[in-house]
Amino acid sequence: MTISKQFMELLCCPATHQPLREVSPTELSRLQQEGGQELASLEGALIREDQAVLYPIRDGIPVLITEEAISLSRAEHSPA
């Protein structure tokens, strides 16, 4: 799934207001292998600029609710 560049320019983290970017399919696959059940069911995600938090994409819609955010503060996460 690809979100238009114009739409992505409008999106930001609701908690910190940092820019978000769409996670590539390769990066999502790697994160799913490293992560638990919470990541396994993701069809897509947006990642915060500091790469500490993922916001899921469900049914093609980014879910920008802080309670739905997935923390990536694990040591095995590395920048893409």
N, C-alpha and C. Protein backbone atom coordinates (compact mmCIF):
# COMPACT_ATOMS: atom_id res chain seq x y z
N MET A 1 0.84 -1.17 0.00
CA MET A 1 0.00 0.00 0.00
C MET A 1 0.89 1.24 0.00
N THR A 2 0.51 2.23 -0.75
CA THR A 2 1.28 3.46 -0.82
C THR A 2 0.37 4.64 -0.56
N ILE A 3 0.80 5.49 0.34
CA ILE A 3 0.06 6.70 0.67
C ILE A 3 0.65 7.83 -0.17
N SER A 4 -0.20 8.68 -0.72
CA SER A 4 0.28 9.75 -1.58
C SER A 4 1.23 10.69 -0.83
N LYS A 5 2.17 11.24 -1.57
CA LYS A 5 3.16 12.14 -0.98
C LYS A 5 2.47 13.36 -0.35
N GLN A 6 1.45 13.89 -1.01
CA GLN A 6 0.75 15.05 -0.50
C GLN A 6 0.08 14.75 0.84
N PHE A 7 -0.52 13.57 0.96
CA PHE A 7 -1.16 13.18 2.22
C PHE A 7 -0.12 12.97 3.30
N MET A 8 0.99 12.32 2.97
CA MET A 8 2.05 12.08 3.95
C MET A 8 2.61 13.39 4.51
N GLU A 9 2.68 14.42 3.69
CA GLU A 9 3.19 15.71 4.15
C GLU A 9 2.30 16.32 5.22
N LEU A 10 1.04 15.93 5.27
CA LEU A 10 0.09 16.45 6.26
C LEU A 10 0.13 15.69 7.58
N LEU A 11 0.63 14.46 7.53
CA LEU A 11 0.57 13.60 8.71
C LEU A 11 1.74 13.84 9.65
N CYS A 12 1.46 13.76 10.95
CA CYS A 12 2.51 13.83 11.96
C CYS A 12 2.06 13.03 13.17
N CYS A 13 3.02 12.72 14.03
CA CYS A 13 2.72 11.99 15.25
C CYS A 13 1.81 12.85 16.13
N PRO A 14 0.70 12.32 16.59
CA PRO A 14 -0.20 13.12 17.43
C PRO A 14 0.39 13.46 18.80
N ALA A 15 1.38 12.69 19.25
CA ALA A 15 1.97 12.93 20.57
C ALA A 15 3.12 13.93 20.51
N THR A 16 4.00 13.80 19.50
CA THR A 16 5.21 14.63 19.45
C THR A 16 5.24 15.60 18.27
N HIS A 17 4.35 15.41 17.32
CA HIS A 17 4.28 16.22 16.09
C HIS A 17 5.47 16.00 15.17
N GLN A 18 6.22 14.91 15.39
CA GLN A 18 7.31 14.55 14.48
C GLN A 18 6.71 14.05 13.16
N PRO A 19 7.43 14.24 12.07
CA PRO A 19 6.98 13.71 10.79
C PRO A 19 6.89 12.18 10.83
N LEU A 20 6.03 11.64 9.98
CA LEU A 20 5.88 10.19 9.82
C LEU A 20 6.24 9.82 8.40
N ARG A 21 6.66 8.58 8.23
CA ARG A 21 6.88 8.05 6.87
C ARG A 21 6.32 6.64 6.83
N GLU A 22 5.98 6.23 5.62
CA GLU A 22 5.44 4.89 5.45
C GLU A 22 6.57 3.86 5.53
N VAL A 23 6.32 2.78 6.24
CA VAL A 23 7.29 1.69 6.36
C VAL A 23 7.24 0.87 5.07
N SER A 24 8.40 0.58 4.51
CA SER A 24 8.45 -0.21 3.28
C SER A 24 8.05 -1.65 3.58
N PRO A 25 7.59 -2.40 2.57
CA PRO A 25 7.24 -3.80 2.80
C PRO A 25 8.40 -4.61 3.36
N THR A 26 9.62 -4.35 2.89
CA THR A 26 10.80 -5.07 3.39
C THR A 26 11.04 -4.75 4.86
N GLU A 27 10.97 -3.48 5.20
CA GLU A 27 11.17 -3.07 6.59
C GLU A 27 10.08 -3.63 7.49
N LEU A 28 8.83 -3.62 7.01
CA LEU A 28 7.73 -4.17 7.80
C LEU A 28 7.93 -5.66 8.05
N SER A 29 8.37 -6.38 7.03
CA SER A 29 8.62 -7.80 7.17
C SER A 29 9.71 -8.06 8.23
N ARG A 30 10.77 -7.27 8.20
CA ARG A 30 11.85 -7.42 9.18
C ARG A 30 11.33 -7.12 10.59
N LEU A 31 10.57 -6.05 10.73
CA LEU A 31 10.00 -5.71 12.04
C LEU A 31 9.07 -6.80 12.55
N GLN A 32 8.29 -7.39 11.66
CA GLN A 32 7.38 -8.46 12.06
C GLN A 32 8.14 -9.69 12.53
N GLN A 33 9.27 -9.99 11.90
CA GLN A 33 10.09 -11.13 12.33
C GLN A 33 10.70 -10.88 13.71
N GLU A 34 11.08 -9.64 13.98
CA GLU A 34 11.70 -9.29 15.26
C GLU A 34 10.67 -9.11 16.37
N GLY A 35 9.49 -8.64 15.99
CA GLY A 35 8.48 -8.26 16.97
C GLY A 35 7.57 -9.40 17.36
N GLY A 36 6.65 -9.08 18.20
CA GLY A 36 5.71 -10.08 18.69
C GLY A 36 4.42 -10.09 17.89
N GLN A 37 3.41 -10.64 18.50
CA GLN A 37 2.09 -10.80 17.88
C GLN A 37 1.51 -9.47 17.41
N GLU A 38 1.79 -8.43 18.15
CA GLU A 38 1.26 -7.10 17.84
C GLU A 38 1.68 -6.64 16.44
N LEU A 39 2.89 -6.97 16.02
CA LEU A 39 3.39 -6.57 14.71
C LEU A 39 3.00 -7.55 13.61
N ALA A 40 2.78 -8.79 13.96
CA ALA A 40 2.52 -9.84 12.96
C ALA A 40 1.29 -9.56 12.11
N SER A 41 0.29 -8.91 12.67
CA SER A 41 -0.96 -8.71 11.95
C SER A 41 -1.01 -7.40 11.17
N LEU A 42 0.07 -6.62 11.19
CA LEU A 42 0.06 -5.33 10.50
C LEU A 42 0.07 -5.51 8.99
N GLU A 43 -0.80 -4.77 8.30
CA GLU A 43 -0.79 -4.75 6.83
C GLU A 43 0.11 -3.64 6.33
N GLY A 44 0.37 -2.66 7.18
CA GLY A 44 1.22 -1.54 6.87
C GLY A 44 1.36 -0.69 8.11
N ALA A 45 2.28 0.27 8.05
CA ALA A 45 2.50 1.12 9.22
C ALA A 45 3.19 2.41 8.82
N LEU A 46 3.05 3.39 9.68
CA LEU A 46 3.79 4.64 9.58
C LEU A 46 4.76 4.67 10.75
N ILE A 47 5.96 5.14 10.50
CA ILE A 47 6.96 5.19 11.56
C ILE A 47 7.32 6.65 11.82
N ARG A 48 7.50 6.96 13.09
CA ARG A 48 7.85 8.31 13.50
C ARG A 48 9.30 8.60 13.10
N GLU A 49 9.62 9.86 12.93
CA GLU A 49 10.95 10.29 12.49
C GLU A 49 12.07 9.72 13.37
N ASP A 50 11.85 9.63 14.69
CA ASP A 50 12.87 9.09 15.58
C ASP A 50 12.90 7.56 15.60
N GLN A 51 12.02 6.93 14.83
CA GLN A 51 11.91 5.49 14.67
C GLN A 51 11.63 4.76 15.98
N ALA A 52 11.00 5.43 16.91
CA ALA A 52 10.68 4.83 18.20
C ALA A 52 9.24 4.31 18.26
N VAL A 53 8.40 4.73 17.33
CA VAL A 53 6.98 4.39 17.40
C VAL A 53 6.43 4.12 16.00
N LEU A 54 5.58 3.08 15.92
CA LEU A 54 4.84 2.75 14.70
C LEU A 54 3.37 3.06 14.92
N TYR A 55 2.73 3.57 13.89
CA TYR A 55 1.28 3.70 13.89
C TYR A 55 0.75 2.74 12.83
N PRO A 56 -0.19 1.87 13.19
CA PRO A 56 -0.67 0.87 12.23
C PRO A 56 -1.52 1.49 11.12
N ILE A 57 -1.54 0.80 10.00
CA ILE A 57 -2.45 1.12 8.91
C ILE A 57 -3.43 -0.05 8.85
N ARG A 58 -4.70 0.24 9.02
CA ARG A 58 -5.75 -0.79 9.00
C ARG A 58 -6.76 -0.48 7.91
N ASP A 59 -7.01 -1.45 7.06
CA ASP A 59 -7.94 -1.26 5.94
C ASP A 59 -7.58 -0.03 5.12
N GLY A 60 -6.27 0.20 4.98
CA GLY A 60 -5.79 1.31 4.17
C GLY A 60 -5.84 2.67 4.85
N ILE A 61 -6.19 2.71 6.13
CA ILE A 61 -6.33 3.97 6.86
C ILE A 61 -5.32 4.04 7.99
N PRO A 62 -4.46 5.08 8.01
CA PRO A 62 -3.52 5.23 9.13
C PRO A 62 -4.29 5.49 10.43
N VAL A 63 -3.92 4.76 11.47
CA VAL A 63 -4.57 4.91 12.78
C VAL A 63 -3.63 5.74 13.65
N LEU A 64 -3.90 7.05 13.70
CA LEU A 64 -3.03 7.97 14.42
C LEU A 64 -3.60 8.29 15.80
N ILE A 65 -3.77 7.24 16.57
CA ILE A 65 -4.28 7.34 17.94
C ILE A 65 -3.14 6.87 18.83
N THR A 66 -2.75 7.71 19.79
CA THR A 66 -1.59 7.39 20.62
C THR A 66 -1.74 6.06 21.34
N GLU A 67 -2.95 5.70 21.72
CA GLU A 67 -3.18 4.43 22.42
C GLU A 67 -2.97 3.23 21.49
N GLU A 68 -3.01 3.44 20.20
CA GLU A 68 -2.81 2.37 19.21
C GLU A 68 -1.35 2.29 18.74
N ALA A 69 -0.53 3.25 19.13
CA ALA A 69 0.88 3.28 18.72
C ALA A 69 1.62 2.06 19.27
N ILE A 70 2.60 1.60 18.52
CA ILE A 70 3.42 0.44 18.91
C ILE A 70 4.84 0.93 19.14
N SER A 71 5.34 0.76 20.36
CA SER A 71 6.68 1.21 20.71
C SER A 71 7.73 0.30 20.07
N LEU A 72 8.77 0.90 19.52
CA LEU A 72 9.89 0.15 18.93
C LEU A 72 11.18 0.45 19.67
N SER A 73 11.08 0.65 20.94
CA SER A 73 12.25 1.03 21.73
C SER A 73 13.17 -0.15 22.03
N ARG A 74 12.92 -1.29 21.43
CA ARG A 74 13.78 -2.47 21.61
C ARG A 74 15.14 -2.21 21.01
N ALA A 75 16.16 -2.80 21.57
CA ALA A 75 17.54 -2.60 21.11
C ALA A 75 17.74 -3.14 19.69
N GLU A 76 16.98 -4.16 19.27
CA GLU A 76 17.22 -4.75 17.95
C GLU A 76 16.69 -3.89 16.82
N HIS A 77 15.91 -2.85 17.12
CA HIS A 77 15.41 -1.99 16.06
C HIS A 77 16.55 -1.08 15.60
N SER A 78 16.75 -1.00 14.32
CA SER A 78 17.79 -0.13 13.80
C SER A 78 17.21 0.71 12.67
N PRO A 79 17.76 1.88 12.39
CA PRO A 79 17.26 2.74 11.34
C PRO A 79 17.28 2.06 9.99
N ALA A 80 16.33 2.40 9.17
CA ALA A 80 16.23 1.80 7.83
C ALA A 80 17.14 2.50 6.86
